[in-house]
Amino acid sequence: MLAEIIFIVERGKIHADVQGIVRQIGTLPAFSILPLRLATIQRLPALNSIPEMHDRLIAAEALAHKASVITRDRAITEAGVVPTVW
């Protein structure tokens, strides 16, 4: 989720060129930038085992697309609501 990348860069957790990342993702055929849908937002209350809202959004989108999440985030992995890799 691009919003999460922006959030962690702003918090100083990583240093990255966000605009460069966005440009590069736009050129890769294996990636798609999807809109935030109402169905995703409606799924958020059921994911309350994940305390941080951005992480819930990531999990909700992964569930909607039957995808795994590439993460080391303990809250996401320990919640066990979505398959994770890493």
PDB file of N, CA and C in Angstrom:
ATOM      1  N   MET A   1       0.848  -1.165   0.000  1.00  0.00           N
ATOM      2  CA  MET A   1       0.000   0.000   0.000  1.00  0.00           C
ATOM      3  C   MET A   1       0.898   1.233   0.000  1.00  0.00           C
ATOM      4  N   LEU A   2       0.695   2.070  -0.965  1.00  0.00           N
ATOM      5  CA  LEU A   2       1.539   3.254  -1.091  1.00  0.00           C
ATOM      6  C   LEU A   2       1.399   4.184   0.109  1.00  0.00           C
ATOM      7  N   ALA A   3       0.217   4.262   0.673  1.00  0.00           N
ATOM      8  CA  ALA A   3       0.016   5.120   1.845  1.00  0.00           C
ATOM      9  C   ALA A   3       0.913   4.678   2.996  1.00  0.00           C
ATOM     10  N   GLU A   4       1.103   3.389   3.163  1.00  0.00           N
ATOM     11  CA  GLU A   4       1.971   2.879   4.226  1.00  0.00           C
ATOM     12  C   GLU A   4       3.421   3.269   3.970  1.00  0.00           C
ATOM     13  N   ILE A   5       3.856   3.221   2.726  1.00  0.00           N
ATOM     14  CA  ILE A   5       5.227   3.633   2.409  1.00  0.00           C
ATOM     15  C   ILE A   5       5.421   5.103   2.765  1.00  0.00           C
ATOM     16  N   ILE A   6       4.474   5.941   2.385  1.00  0.00           N
ATOM     17  CA  ILE A   6       4.559   7.371   2.718  1.00  0.00           C
ATOM     18  C   ILE A   6       4.605   7.554   4.232  1.00  0.00           C
ATOM     19  N   PHE A   7       3.759   6.841   4.951  1.00  0.00           N
ATOM     20  CA  PHE A   7       3.675   6.942   6.411  1.00  0.00           C
ATOM     21  C   PHE A   7       5.011   6.577   7.077  1.00  0.00           C
ATOM     22  N   ILE A   8       5.606   5.462   6.672  1.00  0.00           N
ATOM     23  CA  ILE A   8       6.846   5.055   7.338  1.00  0.00           C
ATOM     24  C   ILE A   8       8.031   5.936   6.940  1.00  0.00           C
ATOM     25  N   VAL A   9       8.001   6.504   5.748  1.00  0.00           N
ATOM     26  CA  VAL A   9       9.049   7.458   5.359  1.00  0.00           C
ATOM     27  C   VAL A   9       8.902   8.724   6.205  1.00  0.00           C
ATOM     28  N   GLU A  10       7.679   9.234   6.336  1.00  0.00           N
ATOM     29  CA  GLU A  10       7.452  10.445   7.131  1.00  0.00           C
ATOM     30  C   GLU A  10       7.828  10.247   8.591  1.00  0.00           C
ATOM     31  N   ARG A  11       7.637   9.054   9.119  1.00  0.00           N
ATOM     32  CA  ARG A  11       7.985   8.770  10.519  1.00  0.00           C
ATOM     33  C   ARG A  11       9.472   8.527  10.707  1.00  0.00           C
ATOM     34  N   GLY A  12      10.228   8.507   9.600  1.00  0.00           N
ATOM     35  CA  GLY A  12      11.667   8.331   9.686  1.00  0.00           C
ATOM     36  C   GLY A  12      12.109   6.890   9.882  1.00  0.00           C
ATOM     37  N   LYS A  13      11.202   5.932   9.695  1.00  0.00           N
ATOM     38  CA  LYS A  13      11.576   4.524   9.866  1.00  0.00           C
ATOM     39  C   LYS A  13      12.441   4.030   8.709  1.00  0.00           C
ATOM     40  N   ILE A  14      12.212   4.576   7.525  1.00  0.00           N
ATOM     41  CA  ILE A  14      13.056   4.269   6.375  1.00  0.00           C
ATOM     42  C   ILE A  14      13.277   5.554   5.591  1.00  0.00           C
ATOM     43  N   HIS A  15      14.310   5.563   4.792  1.00  0.00           N
ATOM     44  CA  HIS A  15      14.567   6.680   3.882  1.00  0.00           C
ATOM     45  C   HIS A  15      14.327   6.161   2.478  1.00  0.00           C
ATOM     46  N   ALA A  16      13.440   6.816   1.750  1.00  0.00           N
ATOM     47  CA  ALA A  16      13.125   6.372   0.395  1.00  0.00           C
ATOM     48  C   ALA A  16      12.596   7.538  -0.420  1.00  0.00           C
ATOM     49  N   ASP A  17      12.777   7.434  -1.712  1.00  0.00           N
ATOM     50  CA  ASP A  17      12.244   8.407  -2.663  1.00  0.00           C
ATOM     51  C   ASP A  17      10.839   7.945  -3.038  1.00  0.00           C
ATOM     52  N   VAL A  18       9.831   8.446  -2.335  1.00  0.00           N
ATOM     53  CA  VAL A  18       8.451   7.999  -2.535  1.00  0.00           C
ATOM     54  C   VAL A  18       7.997   8.248  -3.962  1.00  0.00           C
ATOM     55  N   GLN A  19       8.268   9.415  -4.494  1.00  0.00           N
ATOM     56  CA  GLN A  19       7.858   9.701  -5.865  1.00  0.00           C
ATOM     57  C   GLN A  19       8.535   8.753  -6.857  1.00  0.00           C
ATOM     58  N   GLY A  20       9.787   8.431  -6.610  1.00  0.00           N
ATOM     59  CA  GLY A  20      10.495   7.480  -7.466  1.00  0.00           C
ATOM     60  C   GLY A  20       9.884   6.085  -7.377  1.00  0.00           C
ATOM     61  N   ILE A  21       9.498   5.685  -6.172  1.00  0.00           N
ATOM     62  CA  ILE A  21       8.844   4.390  -5.987  1.00  0.00           C
ATOM     63  C   ILE A  21       7.529   4.349  -6.757  1.00  0.00           C
ATOM     64  N   VAL A  22       6.749   5.409  -6.647  1.00  0.00           N
ATOM     65  CA  VAL A  22       5.460   5.473  -7.348  1.00  0.00           C
ATOM     66  C   VAL A  22       5.669   5.397  -8.856  1.00  0.00           C
ATOM     67  N   ARG A  23       6.644   6.143  -9.365  1.00  0.00           N
ATOM     68  CA  ARG A  23       6.936   6.106 -10.807  1.00  0.00           C
ATOM     69  C   ARG A  23       7.346   4.710 -11.249  1.00  0.00           C
ATOM     70  N   GLN A  24       8.209   4.078 -10.475  1.00  0.00           N
ATOM     71  CA  GLN A  24       8.694   2.748 -10.850  1.00  0.00           C
ATOM     72  C   GLN A  24       7.564   1.718 -10.800  1.00  0.00           C
ATOM     73  N   ILE A  25       6.739   1.757  -9.773  1.00  0.00           N
ATOM     74  CA  ILE A  25       5.621   0.821  -9.685  1.00  0.00           C
ATOM     75  C   ILE A  25       4.704   0.973 -10.891  1.00  0.00           C
ATOM     76  N   GLY A  26       4.512   2.197 -11.334  1.00  0.00           N
ATOM     77  CA  GLY A  26       3.664   2.452 -12.488  1.00  0.00           C
ATOM     78  C   GLY A  26       4.172   1.837 -13.778  1.00  0.00           C
ATOM     79  N   THR A  27       5.454   1.488 -13.819  1.00  0.00           N
ATOM     80  CA  THR A  27       6.027   0.901 -15.036  1.00  0.00           C
ATOM     81  C   THR A  27       6.113  -0.620 -14.978  1.00  0.00           C
ATOM     82  N   LEU A  28       5.831  -1.212 -13.842  1.00  0.00           N
ATOM     83  CA  LEU A  28       5.981  -2.658 -13.685  1.00  0.00           C
ATOM     84  C   LEU A  28       4.671  -3.386 -13.963  1.00  0.00           C
ATOM     85  N   PRO A  29       4.665  -4.303 -14.918  1.00  0.00           N
ATOM     86  CA  PRO A  29       3.416  -4.986 -15.259  1.00  0.00           C
ATOM     87  C   PRO A  29       2.895  -5.902 -14.147  1.00  0.00           C
ATOM     88  N   ALA A  30       3.739  -6.314 -13.219  1.00  0.00           N
ATOM     89  CA  ALA A  30       3.313  -7.219 -12.148  1.00  0.00           C
ATOM     90  C   ALA A  30       2.605  -6.482 -11.007  1.00  0.00           C
ATOM     91  N   PHE A  31       2.585  -5.160 -11.033  1.00  0.00           N
ATOM     92  CA  PHE A  31       1.969  -4.369  -9.976  1.00  0.00           C
ATOM     93  C   PHE A  31       0.815  -3.552 -10.519  1.00  0.00           C
ATOM     94  N   SER A  32      -0.199  -3.382  -9.697  1.00  0.00           N
ATOM     95  CA  SER A  32      -1.334  -2.529 -10.041  1.00  0.00           C
ATOM     96  C   SER A  32      -1.616  -1.606  -8.878  1.00  0.00           C
ATOM     97  N   ILE A  33      -1.942  -0.386  -9.186  1.00  0.00           N
ATOM     98  CA  ILE A  33      -2.376   0.553  -8.151  1.00  0.00           C
ATOM     99  C   ILE A  33      -3.897   0.540  -8.177  1.00  0.00           C
ATOM    100  N   LEU A  34      -4.479   0.125  -7.062  1.00  0.00           N
ATOM    101  CA  LEU A  34      -5.927  -0.034  -6.975  1.00  0.00           C
ATOM    102  C   LEU A  34      -6.526   1.033  -6.067  1.00  0.00           C
ATOM    103  N   PRO A  35      -7.754   1.431  -6.340  1.00  0.00           N
ATOM    104  CA  PRO A  35      -8.411   2.410  -5.464  1.00  0.00           C
ATOM    105  C   PRO A  35      -8.862   1.760  -4.158  1.00  0.00           C
ATOM    106  N   LEU A  36      -8.975   2.568  -3.132  1.00  0.00           N
ATOM    107  CA  LEU A  36      -9.544   2.101  -1.869  1.00  0.00           C
ATOM    108  C   LEU A  36     -11.054   1.986  -2.051  1.00  0.00           C
ATOM    109  N   ARG A  37     -11.560   0.787  -1.853  1.00  0.00           N
ATOM    110  CA  ARG A  37     -12.979   0.529  -2.122  1.00  0.00           C
ATOM    111  C   ARG A  37     -13.781   0.456  -0.833  1.00  0.00           C
ATOM    112  N   LEU A  38     -15.062   0.716  -0.951  1.00  0.00           N
ATOM    113  CA  LEU A  38     -15.963   0.632   0.186  1.00  0.00           C
ATOM    114  C   LEU A  38     -15.933  -0.760   0.806  1.00  0.00           C
ATOM    115  N   ALA A  39     -15.848  -1.800   0.001  1.00  0.00           N
ATOM    116  CA  ALA A  39     -15.802  -3.172   0.516  1.00  0.00           C
ATOM    117  C   ALA A  39     -14.597  -3.381   1.437  1.00  0.00           C
ATOM    118  N   THR A  40     -13.488  -2.747   1.106  1.00  0.00           N
ATOM    119  CA  THR A  40     -12.297  -2.845   1.955  1.00  0.00           C
ATOM    120  C   THR A  40     -12.547  -2.155   3.290  1.00  0.00           C
ATOM    121  N   ILE A  41     -13.110  -0.976   3.253  1.00  0.00           N
ATOM    122  CA  ILE A  41     -13.396  -0.229   4.481  1.00  0.00           C
ATOM    123  C   ILE A  41     -14.383  -1.003   5.356  1.00  0.00           C
ATOM    124  N   GLN A  42     -15.362  -1.631   4.751  1.00  0.00           N
ATOM    125  CA  GLN A  42     -16.353  -2.391   5.516  1.00  0.00           C
ATOM    126  C   GLN A  42     -15.743  -3.619   6.182  1.00  0.00           C
ATOM    127  N   ARG A  43     -14.642  -4.105   5.684  1.00  0.00           N
ATOM    128  CA  ARG A  43     -13.974  -5.275   6.260  1.00  0.00           C
ATOM    129  C   ARG A  43     -13.133  -4.915   7.495  1.00  0.00           C
ATOM    130  N   LEU A  44     -12.819  -3.647   7.691  1.00  0.00           N
ATOM    131  CA  LEU A  44     -11.903  -3.222   8.750  1.00  0.00           C
ATOM    132  C   LEU A  44     -12.336  -3.608  10.163  1.00  0.00           C
ATOM    133  N   PRO A  45     -13.614  -3.457  10.554  1.00  0.00           N
ATOM    134  CA  PRO A  45     -13.985  -3.831  11.926  1.00  0.00           C
ATOM    135  C   PRO A  45     -13.701  -5.299  12.254  1.00  0.00           C
ATOM    136  N   ALA A  46     -13.794  -6.177  11.282  1.00  0.00           N
ATOM    137  CA  ALA A  46     -13.531  -7.599  11.520  1.00  0.00           C
ATOM    138  C   ALA A  46     -12.041  -7.888  11.703  1.00  0.00           C
ATOM    139  N   LEU A  47     -11.196  -6.919  11.390  1.00  0.00           N
ATOM    140  CA  LEU A  47      -9.746  -7.102  11.493  1.00  0.00           C
ATOM    141  C   LEU A  47      -9.179  -6.382  12.717  1.00  0.00           C
ATOM    142  N   ASN A  48      -9.974  -6.242  13.767  1.00  0.00           N
ATOM    143  CA  ASN A  48      -9.545  -5.471  14.941  1.00  0.00           C
ATOM    144  C   ASN A  48      -8.417  -6.132  15.725  1.00  0.00           C
ATOM    145  N   SER A  49      -8.021  -7.342  15.340  1.00  0.00           N
ATOM    146  CA  SER A  49      -6.846  -7.957  15.966  1.00  0.00           C
ATOM    147  C   SER A  49      -5.555  -7.287  15.475  1.00  0.00           C
ATOM    148  N   ILE A  50      -5.683  -6.445  14.463  1.00  0.00           N
ATOM    149  CA  ILE A  50      -4.556  -5.650  13.953  1.00  0.00           C
ATOM    150  C   ILE A  50      -4.808  -4.205  14.390  1.00  0.00           C
ATOM    151  N   PRO A  51      -4.041  -3.689  15.347  1.00  0.00           N
ATOM    152  CA  PRO A  51      -4.369  -2.390  15.948  1.00  0.00           C
ATOM    153  C   PRO A  51      -4.141  -1.164  15.050  1.00  0.00           C
ATOM    154  N   GLU A  52      -3.174  -1.190  14.146  1.00  0.00           N
ATOM    155  CA  GLU A  52      -2.835  -0.018  13.352  1.00  0.00           C
ATOM    156  C   GLU A  52      -3.667   0.010  12.068  1.00  0.00           C
ATOM    157  N   MET A  53      -4.282   1.147  11.788  1.00  0.00           N
ATOM    158  CA  MET A  53      -5.220   1.258  10.680  1.00  0.00           C
ATOM    159  C   MET A  53      -4.596   0.964   9.317  1.00  0.00           C
ATOM    160  N   HIS A  54      -3.384   1.463   9.055  1.00  0.00           N
ATOM    161  CA  HIS A  54      -2.751   1.181   7.766  1.00  0.00           C
ATOM    162  C   HIS A  54      -2.537  -0.322   7.597  1.00  0.00           C
ATOM    163  N   ASP A  55      -2.134  -0.987   8.673  1.00  0.00           N
ATOM    164  CA  ASP A  55      -1.932  -2.428   8.606  1.00  0.00           C
ATOM    165  C   ASP A  55      -3.250  -3.155   8.347  1.00  0.00           C
ATOM    166  N   ARG A  56      -4.328  -2.676   8.938  1.00  0.00           N
ATOM    167  CA  ARG A  56      -5.648  -3.268   8.672  1.00  0.00           C
ATOM    168  C   ARG A  56      -6.026  -3.108   7.208  1.00  0.00           C
ATOM    169  N   LEU A  57      -5.767  -1.937   6.659  1.00  0.00           N
ATOM    170  CA  LEU A  57      -6.071  -1.708   5.254  1.00  0.00           C
ATOM    171  C   LEU A  57      -5.270  -2.657   4.355  1.00  0.00           C
ATOM    172  N   ILE A  58      -4.026  -2.848   4.679  1.00  0.00           N
ATOM    173  CA  ILE A  58      -3.192  -3.772   3.911  1.00  0.00           C
ATOM    174  C   ILE A  58      -3.770  -5.180   3.980  1.00  0.00           C
ATOM    175  N   ALA A  59      -4.113  -5.621   5.180  1.00  0.00           N
ATOM    176  CA  ALA A  59      -4.684  -6.961   5.345  1.00  0.00           C
ATOM    177  C   ALA A  59      -6.020  -7.087   4.624  1.00  0.00           C
ATOM    178  N   ALA A  60      -6.851  -6.077   4.718  1.00  0.00           N
ATOM    179  CA  ALA A  60      -8.167  -6.119   4.070  1.00  0.00           C
ATOM    180  C   ALA A  60      -8.022  -6.220   2.549  1.00  0.00           C
ATOM    181  N   GLU A  61      -7.092  -5.465   1.982  1.00  0.00           N
ATOM    182  CA  GLU A  61      -6.872  -5.539   0.534  1.00  0.00           C
ATOM    183  C   GLU A  61      -6.308  -6.899   0.141  1.00  0.00           C
ATOM    184  N   ALA A  62      -5.393  -7.415   0.945  1.00  0.00           N
ATOM    185  CA  ALA A  62      -4.841  -8.739   0.645  1.00  0.00           C
ATOM    186  C   ALA A  62      -5.942  -9.796   0.663  1.00  0.00           C
ATOM    187  N   LEU A  63      -6.828  -9.731   1.639  1.00  0.00           N
ATOM    188  CA  LEU A  63      -7.944 -10.677   1.695  1.00  0.00           C
ATOM    189  C   LEU A  63      -8.848 -10.535   0.482  1.00  0.00           C
ATOM    190  N   ALA A  64      -9.139  -9.318   0.094  1.00  0.00           N
ATOM    191  CA  ALA A  64     -10.025  -9.078  -1.041  1.00  0.00           C
ATOM    192  C   ALA A  64      -9.447  -9.640  -2.336  1.00  0.00           C
ATOM    193  N   HIS A  65      -8.132  -9.650  -2.437  1.00  0.00           N
ATOM    194  CA  HIS A  65      -7.480 -10.106  -3.668  1.00  0.00           C
ATOM    195  C   HIS A  65      -6.859 -11.494  -3.532  1.00  0.00           C
ATOM    196  N   LYS A  66      -7.147 -12.142  -2.385  1.00  0.00           N
ATOM    197  CA  LYS A  66      -6.603 -13.481  -2.126  1.00  0.00           C
ATOM    198  C   LYS A  66      -5.080 -13.496  -2.302  1.00  0.00           C
ATOM    199  N   ALA A  67      -4.444 -12.506  -1.698  1.00  0.00           N
ATOM    200  CA  ALA A  67      -3.000 -12.333  -1.833  1.00  0.00           C
ATOM    201  C   ALA A  67      -2.316 -12.479  -0.476  1.00  0.00           C
ATOM    202  N   SER A  68      -1.039 -12.755  -0.513  1.00  0.00           N
ATOM    203  CA  SER A  68      -0.219 -12.760   0.694  1.00  0.00           C
ATOM    204  C   SER A  68       0.391 -11.373   0.873  1.00  0.00           C
ATOM    205  N   VAL A  69       0.781 -11.068   2.099  1.00  0.00           N
ATOM    206  CA  VAL A  69       1.406  -9.789   2.416  1.00  0.00           C
ATOM    207  C   VAL A  69       2.888 -10.039   2.694  1.00  0.00           C
ATOM    208  N   ILE A  70       3.749  -9.284   2.036  1.00  0.00           N
ATOM    209  CA  ILE A  70       5.175  -9.361   2.304  1.00  0.00           C
ATOM    210  C   ILE A  70       5.451  -8.387   3.440  1.00  0.00           C
ATOM    211  N   THR A  71       5.716  -8.922   4.636  1.00  0.00           N
ATOM    212  CA  THR A  71       5.893  -8.063   5.805  1.00  0.00           C
ATOM    213  C   THR A  71       6.640  -8.774   6.922  1.00  0.00           C
ATOM    214  N   ARG A  72       7.266  -7.960   7.774  1.00  0.00           N
ATOM    215  CA  ARG A  72       7.830  -8.443   9.034  1.00  0.00           C
ATOM    216  C   ARG A  72       7.015  -7.896  10.199  1.00  0.00           C
ATOM    217  N   ASP A  73       5.953  -7.182   9.894  1.00  0.00           N
ATOM    218  CA  ASP A  73       5.133  -6.554  10.923  1.00  0.00           C
ATOM    219  C   ASP A  73       4.513  -7.620  11.819  1.00  0.00           C
ATOM    220  N   ARG A  74       4.850  -7.580  13.103  1.00  0.00           N
ATOM    221  CA  ARG A  74       4.381  -8.608  14.037  1.00  0.00           C
ATOM    222  C   ARG A  74       2.873  -8.583  14.223  1.00  0.00           C
ATOM    223  N   ALA A  75       2.285  -7.390  14.212  1.00  0.00           N
ATOM    224  CA  ALA A  75       0.837  -7.307  14.414  1.00  0.00           C
ATOM    225  C   ALA A  75       0.093  -8.029  13.296  1.00  0.00           C
ATOM    226  N   ILE A  76       0.572  -7.871  12.072  1.00  0.00           N
ATOM    227  CA  ILE A  76      -0.078  -8.540  10.942  1.00  0.00           C
ATOM    228  C   ILE A  76       0.178 -10.041  10.996  1.00  0.00           C
ATOM    229  N   THR A  77       1.426 -10.433  11.200  1.00  0.00           N
ATOM    230  CA  THR A  77       1.735 -11.866  11.194  1.00  0.00           C
ATOM    231  C   THR A  77       1.081 -12.592  12.358  1.00  0.00           C
ATOM    232  N   GLU A  78       1.093 -11.995  13.555  1.00  0.00           N
ATOM    233  CA  GLU A  78       0.516 -12.657  14.721  1.00  0.00           C
ATOM    234  C   GLU A  78      -1.007 -12.694  14.683  1.00  0.00           C
ATOM    235  N   ALA A  79      -1.640 -11.767  13.975  1.00  0.00           N
ATOM    236  CA  ALA A  79      -3.100 -11.780  13.873  1.00  0.00           C
ATOM    237  C   ALA A  79      -3.575 -13.018  13.118  1.00  0.00           C
ATOM    238  N   GLY A  80      -2.763 -13.483  12.165  1.00  0.00           N
ATOM    239  CA  GLY A  80      -3.089 -14.699  11.434  1.00  0.00           C
ATOM    240  C   GLY A  80      -4.313 -14.594  10.535  1.00  0.00           C
ATOM    241  N   VAL A  81      -4.705 -13.388  10.163  1.00  0.00           N
ATOM    242  CA  VAL A  81      -5.913 -13.218   9.342  1.00  0.00           C
ATOM    243  C   VAL A  81      -5.624 -13.230   7.843  1.00  0.00           C
ATOM    244  N   VAL A  82      -4.339 -13.097   7.495  1.00  0.00           N
ATOM    245  CA  VAL A  82      -3.950 -13.054   6.078  1.00  0.00           C
ATOM    246  C   VAL A  82      -2.600 -13.774   5.963  1.00  0.00           C
ATOM    247  N   PRO A  83      -2.388 -14.517   4.875  1.00  0.00           N
ATOM    248  CA  PRO A  83      -1.088 -15.174   4.696  1.00  0.00           C
ATOM    249  C   PRO A  83       0.031 -14.127   4.576  1.00  0.00           C
ATOM    250  N   THR A  84       1.163 -14.403   5.210  1.00  0.00           N
ATOM    251  CA  THR A  84       2.288 -13.484   5.145  1.00  0.00           C
ATOM    252  C   THR A  84       3.544 -14.216   4.671  1.00  0.00           C
ATOM    253  N   VAL A  85       4.430 -13.428   4.080  1.00  0.00           N
ATOM    254  CA  VAL A  85       5.704 -13.935   3.588  1.00  0.00           C
ATOM    255  C   VAL A  85       6.793 -13.047   4.153  1.00  0.00           C
ATOM    256  N   TRP A  86       7.866 -13.667   4.665  1.00  0.00           N
ATOM    257  CA  TRP A  86       9.102 -13.005   5.052  1.00  0.00           C
ATOM    258  C   TRP A  86       9.666 -13.626   6.268  1.00  0.00           C
TER     259      TRP A  86
END
